[in-house]
PDB file of all heavy atoms in Angstrom:
ATOM      1  N   LYS A   1     112.587  39.677  93.011  1.00  0.00           N
ATOM      2  CA  LYS A   1     113.204  40.653  93.846  1.00  0.00           C
ATOM      3  C   LYS A   1     113.492  41.889  93.022  1.00  0.00           C
ATOM      4  O   LYS A   1     113.825  41.862  91.829  1.00  0.00           O
ATOM      5  CB  LYS A   1     114.676  40.048  94.243  1.00  0.00           C
ATOM      6  CG  LYS A   1     114.516  38.905  95.244  1.00  0.00           C
ATOM      7  CD  LYS A   1     115.880  38.451  95.660  1.00  0.00           C
ATOM      8  CE  LYS A   1     115.684  37.198  96.581  1.00  0.00           C
ATOM      9  NZ  LYS A   1     116.991  36.668  97.099  1.00  0.00           N
ATOM     10  N   LEU A   2     113.138  43.050  93.585  1.00  0.00           N
ATOM     11  CA  LEU A   2     113.220  44.382  92.927  1.00  0.00           C
ATOM     12  C   LEU A   2     114.252  45.193  93.607  1.00  0.00           C
ATOM     13  O   LEU A   2     114.171  45.294  94.937  1.00  0.00           O
ATOM     14  CB  LEU A   2     111.884  45.111  92.933  1.00  0.00           C
ATOM     15  CG  LEU A   2     110.749  44.384  92.198  1.00  0.00           C
ATOM     16  CD1 LEU A   2     109.466  45.168  92.328  1.00  0.00           C
ATOM     17  CD2 LEU A   2     111.118  44.163  90.742  1.00  0.00           C
ATOM     18  N   GLN A   3     115.002  45.957  92.918  1.00  0.00           N
ATOM     19  CA  GLN A   3     115.919  46.982  93.369  1.00  0.00           C
ATOM     20  C   GLN A   3     115.144  48.313  93.379  1.00  0.00           C
ATOM     21  O   GLN A   3     114.650  48.684  92.269  1.00  0.00           O
ATOM     22  CB  GLN A   3     117.147  47.041  92.569  1.00  0.00           C
ATOM     23  CG  GLN A   3     118.087  48.160  92.950  1.00  0.00           C
ATOM     24  CD  GLN A   3     118.973  47.782  94.188  1.00  0.00           C
ATOM     25  OE1 GLN A   3     119.526  46.687  94.211  1.00  0.00           O
ATOM     26  NE2 GLN A   3     118.997  48.626  95.161  1.00  0.00           N
ATOM     27  N   LEU A   4     115.081  48.905  94.511  1.00  0.00           N
ATOM     28  CA  LEU A   4     114.314  50.192  94.599  1.00  0.00           C
ATOM     29  C   LEU A   4     115.327  51.213  95.108  1.00  0.00           C
ATOM     30  O   LEU A   4     116.108  50.963  95.927  1.00  0.00           O
ATOM     31  CB  LEU A   4     113.127  50.049  95.582  1.00  0.00           C
ATOM     32  CG  LEU A   4     112.105  49.088  95.210  1.00  0.00           C
ATOM     33  CD1 LEU A   4     111.601  48.364  96.488  1.00  0.00           C
ATOM     34  CD2 LEU A   4     110.948  49.730  94.577  1.00  0.00           C
ATOM     35  N   ASP A   5     115.037  52.450  94.688  1.00  0.00           N
ATOM     36  CA  ASP A   5     115.818  53.576  95.292  1.00  0.00           C
ATOM     37  C   ASP A   5     115.098  53.981  96.570  1.00  0.00           C
ATOM     38  O   ASP A   5     113.875  53.741  96.656  1.00  0.00           O
ATOM     39  CB  ASP A   5     116.075  54.735  94.349  1.00  0.00           C
ATOM     40  CG  ASP A   5     114.846  55.424  93.909  1.00  0.00           C
ATOM     41  OD1 ASP A   5     113.941  55.764  94.729  1.00  0.00           O
ATOM     42  OD2 ASP A   5     114.700  55.608  92.681  1.00  0.00           O
ATOM     43  N   PRO A   6     115.745  54.673  97.493  1.00  0.00           N
ATOM     44  CA  PRO A   6     115.110  55.019  98.807  1.00  0.00           C
ATOM     45  C   PRO A   6     113.834  55.799  98.612  1.00  0.00           C
ATOM     46  O   PRO A   6     112.840  55.622  99.402  1.00  0.00           O
ATOM     47  CB  PRO A   6     116.176  55.839  99.569  1.00  0.00           C
ATOM     48  CG  PRO A   6     117.451  55.326  98.993  1.00  0.00           C
ATOM     49  CD  PRO A   6     117.219  55.019  97.497  1.00  0.00           C
ATOM     50  N   ALA A   7     113.762  56.695  97.581  1.00  0.00           N
ATOM     51  CA  ALA A   7     112.531  57.490  97.419  1.00  0.00           C
ATOM     52  C   ALA A   7     111.376  56.600  96.937  1.00  0.00           C
ATOM     53  O   ALA A   7     110.206  56.816  97.462  1.00  0.00           O
ATOM     54  CB  ALA A   7     112.728  58.543  96.298  1.00  0.00           C
ATOM     55  N   ALA A   8     111.603  55.605  96.175  1.00  0.00           N
ATOM     56  CA  ALA A   8     110.484  54.617  95.810  1.00  0.00           C
ATOM     57  C   ALA A   8     110.143  53.832  96.964  1.00  0.00           C
ATOM     58  O   ALA A   8     108.925  53.571  97.197  1.00  0.00           O
ATOM     59  CB  ALA A   8     110.989  53.820  94.594  1.00  0.00           C
ATOM     60  N   ALA A   9     111.046  53.347  97.729  1.00  0.00           N
ATOM     61  CA  ALA A   9     110.717  52.521  98.991  1.00  0.00           C
ATOM     62  C   ALA A   9     109.797  53.228  99.866  1.00  0.00           C
ATOM     63  O   ALA A   9     109.095  52.629 100.659  1.00  0.00           O
ATOM     64  CB  ALA A   9     111.992  52.047  99.663  1.00  0.00           C
ATOM     65  N   ALA A  10     109.931  54.563  99.962  1.00  0.00           N
ATOM     66  CA  ALA A  10     109.059  55.358 100.914  1.00  0.00           C
ATOM     67  C   ALA A  10     107.595  55.266 100.603  1.00  0.00           C
ATOM     68  O   ALA A  10     106.743  55.508 101.454  1.00  0.00           O
ATOM     69  CB  ALA A  10     109.415  56.852 100.745  1.00  0.00           C
ATOM     70  N   ALA A  11     107.119  54.779  99.425  1.00  0.00           N
ATOM     71  CA  ALA A  11     105.843  54.517  98.983  1.00  0.00           C
ATOM     72  C   ALA A  11     105.257  53.176  99.568  1.00  0.00           C
ATOM     73  O   ALA A  11     104.007  53.078  99.551  1.00  0.00           O
ATOM     74  CB  ALA A  11     105.653  54.605  97.469  1.00  0.00           C
ATOM     75  N   LEU A  12     106.151  52.458 100.159  1.00  0.00           N
ATOM     76  CA  LEU A  12     105.676  51.118 100.781  1.00  0.00           C
ATOM     77  C   LEU A  12     105.362  51.400 102.222  1.00  0.00           C
ATOM     78  O   LEU A  12     106.035  52.172 102.880  1.00  0.00           O
ATOM     79  CB  LEU A  12     106.766  50.071 100.569  1.00  0.00           C
ATOM     80  CG  LEU A  12     107.262  49.929  99.166  1.00  0.00           C
ATOM     81  CD1 LEU A  12     108.353  48.811  99.107  1.00  0.00           C
ATOM     82  CD2 LEU A  12     106.125  49.495  98.206  1.00  0.00           C
ATOM     83  N   LEU A  13     104.309  50.747 102.687  1.00  0.00           N
ATOM     84  CA  LEU A  13     103.854  51.059 104.097  1.00  0.00           C
ATOM     85  C   LEU A  13     104.028  49.881 105.029  1.00  0.00           C
ATOM     86  O   LEU A  13     103.766  48.737 104.719  1.00  0.00           O
ATOM     87  CB  LEU A  13     102.323  51.377 103.996  1.00  0.00           C
ATOM     88  CG  LEU A  13     101.921  52.463 103.075  1.00  0.00           C
ATOM     89  CD1 LEU A  13     100.440  52.618 102.996  1.00  0.00           C
ATOM     90  CD2 LEU A  13     102.518  53.774 103.512  1.00  0.00           C
ATOM     91  N   PRO A  14     104.388  50.190 106.285  1.00  0.00           N
ATOM     92  CA  PRO A  14     104.292  49.177 107.361  1.00  0.00           C
ATOM     93  C   PRO A  14     102.873  48.843 107.595  1.00  0.00           C
ATOM     94  O   PRO A  14     101.950  49.592 107.263  1.00  0.00           O
ATOM     95  CB  PRO A  14     105.002  49.838 108.519  1.00  0.00           C
ATOM     96  CG  PRO A  14     104.872  51.263 108.292  1.00  0.00           C
ATOM     97  CD  PRO A  14     104.835  51.514 106.775  1.00  0.00           C
ATOM     98  N   TRP A  15     102.657  47.668 108.274  1.00  0.00           N
ATOM     99  CA  TRP A  15     101.283  47.176 108.405  1.00  0.00           C
ATOM    100  C   TRP A  15     100.388  48.200 109.083  1.00  0.00           C
ATOM    101  O   TRP A  15      99.236  48.390 108.611  1.00  0.00           O
ATOM    102  CB  TRP A  15     101.320  45.929 109.342  1.00  0.00           C
ATOM    103  CG  TRP A  15      99.935  45.538 109.849  1.00  0.00           C
ATOM    104  CD1 TRP A  15      99.537  45.698 111.172  1.00  0.00           C
ATOM    105  CD2 TRP A  15      98.744  45.228 109.098  1.00  0.00           C
ATOM    106  NE1 TRP A  15      98.203  45.318 111.304  1.00  0.00           N
ATOM    107  CE2 TRP A  15      97.587  45.122 109.956  1.00  0.00           C
ATOM    108  CE3 TRP A  15      98.540  45.065 107.714  1.00  0.00           C
ATOM    109  CZ2 TRP A  15      96.432  44.722 109.515  1.00  0.00           C
ATOM    110  CZ3 TRP A  15      97.254  44.676 107.285  1.00  0.00           C
ATOM    111  CH2 TRP A  15      96.213  44.492 108.227  1.00  0.00           C
ATOM    112  N   ALA A  16     100.857  48.927 110.136  1.00  0.00           N
ATOM    113  CA  ALA A  16      99.990  49.909 110.800  1.00  0.00           C
ATOM    114  C   ALA A  16      99.401  50.985 109.830  1.00  0.00           C
ATOM    115  O   ALA A  16      98.391  51.408 110.005  1.00  0.00           O
ATOM    116  CB  ALA A  16     100.723  50.508 111.953  1.00  0.00           C
ATOM    117  N   ASP A  17     100.231  51.362 108.936  1.00  0.00           N
ATOM    118  CA  ASP A  17      99.890  52.420 107.993  1.00  0.00           C
ATOM    119  C   ASP A  17      99.100  51.879 106.816  1.00  0.00           C
ATOM    120  O   ASP A  17      98.297  52.593 106.144  1.00  0.00           O
ATOM    121  CB  ASP A  17     101.043  53.203 107.480  1.00  0.00           C
ATOM    122  CG  ASP A  17     101.781  53.954 108.565  1.00  0.00           C
ATOM    123  OD1 ASP A  17     101.083  54.347 109.594  1.00  0.00           O
ATOM    124  OD2 ASP A  17     102.976  54.152 108.543  1.00  0.00           O
ATOM    125  N   ALA A  18      99.323  50.526 106.444  1.00  0.00           N
ATOM    126  CA  ALA A  18      98.727  49.968 105.324  1.00  0.00           C
ATOM    127  C   ALA A  18      97.309  49.438 105.636  1.00  0.00           C
ATOM    128  O   ALA A  18      96.520  49.210 104.759  1.00  0.00           O
ATOM    129  CB  ALA A  18      99.598  48.823 104.781  1.00  0.00           C
ATOM    130  N   ARG A  19      97.048  49.225 106.905  1.00  0.00           N
ATOM    131  CA  ARG A  19      95.784  48.446 107.259  1.00  0.00           C
ATOM    132  C   ARG A  19      94.571  49.117 106.757  1.00  0.00           C
ATOM    133  O   ARG A  19      93.622  48.522 106.183  1.00  0.00           O
ATOM    134  CB  ARG A  19      95.696  48.415 108.795  1.00  0.00           C
ATOM    135  CG  ARG A  19      94.455  47.750 109.230  1.00  0.00           C
ATOM    136  CD  ARG A  19      94.242  47.819 110.762  1.00  0.00           C
ATOM    137  NE  ARG A  19      92.884  47.151 111.084  1.00  0.00           N
ATOM    138  CZ  ARG A  19      92.714  46.123 111.762  1.00  0.00           C
ATOM    139  NH1 ARG A  19      93.718  45.452 112.288  1.00  0.00           N
ATOM    140  NH2 ARG A  19      91.462  45.651 111.901  1.00  0.00           N
ATOM    141  N   ALA A  20      94.441  50.440 106.851  1.00  0.00           N
ATOM    142  CA  ALA A  20      93.146  51.159 106.376  1.00  0.00           C
ATOM    143  C   ALA A  20      93.014  50.973 104.921  1.00  0.00           C
ATOM    144  O   ALA A  20      91.945  50.692 104.406  1.00  0.00           O
ATOM    145  CB  ALA A  20      93.282  52.621 106.803  1.00  0.00           C
ATOM    146  N   GLY A  21      94.135  51.095 104.107  1.00  0.00           N
ATOM    147  CA  GLY A  21      94.013  50.891 102.654  1.00  0.00           C
ATOM    148  C   GLY A  21      93.621  49.448 102.292  1.00  0.00           C
ATOM    149  O   GLY A  21      92.936  49.239 101.353  1.00  0.00           O
ATOM    150  N   ILE A  22      94.256  48.475 103.009  1.00  0.00           N
ATOM    151  CA  ILE A  22      93.874  47.160 102.740  1.00  0.00           C
ATOM    152  C   ILE A  22      92.457  46.828 103.172  1.00  0.00           C
ATOM    153  O   ILE A  22      91.640  46.212 102.398  1.00  0.00           O
ATOM    154  CB  ILE A  22      94.874  46.156 103.583  1.00  0.00           C
ATOM    155  CG1 ILE A  22      96.305  46.253 102.900  1.00  0.00           C
ATOM    156  CG2 ILE A  22      94.359  44.675 103.431  1.00  0.00           C
ATOM    157  CD1 ILE A  22      97.335  45.604 103.781  1.00  0.00           C
ATOM    158  N   GLU A  23      91.923  47.358 104.194  1.00  0.00           N
ATOM    159  CA  GLU A  23      90.566  47.184 104.692  1.00  0.00           C
ATOM    160  C   GLU A  23      89.657  47.812 103.597  1.00  0.00           C
ATOM    161  O   GLU A  23      88.563  47.239 103.320  1.00  0.00           O
ATOM    162  CB  GLU A  23      90.369  47.717 106.069  1.00  0.00           C
ATOM    163  CG  GLU A  23      89.158  47.289 106.686  1.00  0.00           C
ATOM    164  CD  GLU A  23      89.120  47.402 108.188  1.00  0.00           C
ATOM    165  OE1 GLU A  23      89.860  48.299 108.744  1.00  0.00           O
ATOM    166  OE2 GLU A  23      88.310  46.622 108.802  1.00  0.00           O
ATOM    167  N   ALA A  24      89.977  48.983 103.015  1.00  0.00           N
ATOM    168  CA  ALA A  24      89.173  49.603 102.048  1.00  0.00           C
ATOM    169  C   ALA A  24      89.152  48.753 100.768  1.00  0.00           C
ATOM    170  O   ALA A  24      88.096  48.594 100.199  1.00  0.00           O
ATOM    171  CB  ALA A  24      89.720  50.995 101.741  1.00  0.00           C
TER     172      ALA A  24
END
């Protein structure tokens, strides 16, 4: 479990936005 500040958490993507990167 990691504690992140809100700015860091913004770098994490929901599935719809992550799909292209995962597929690549």
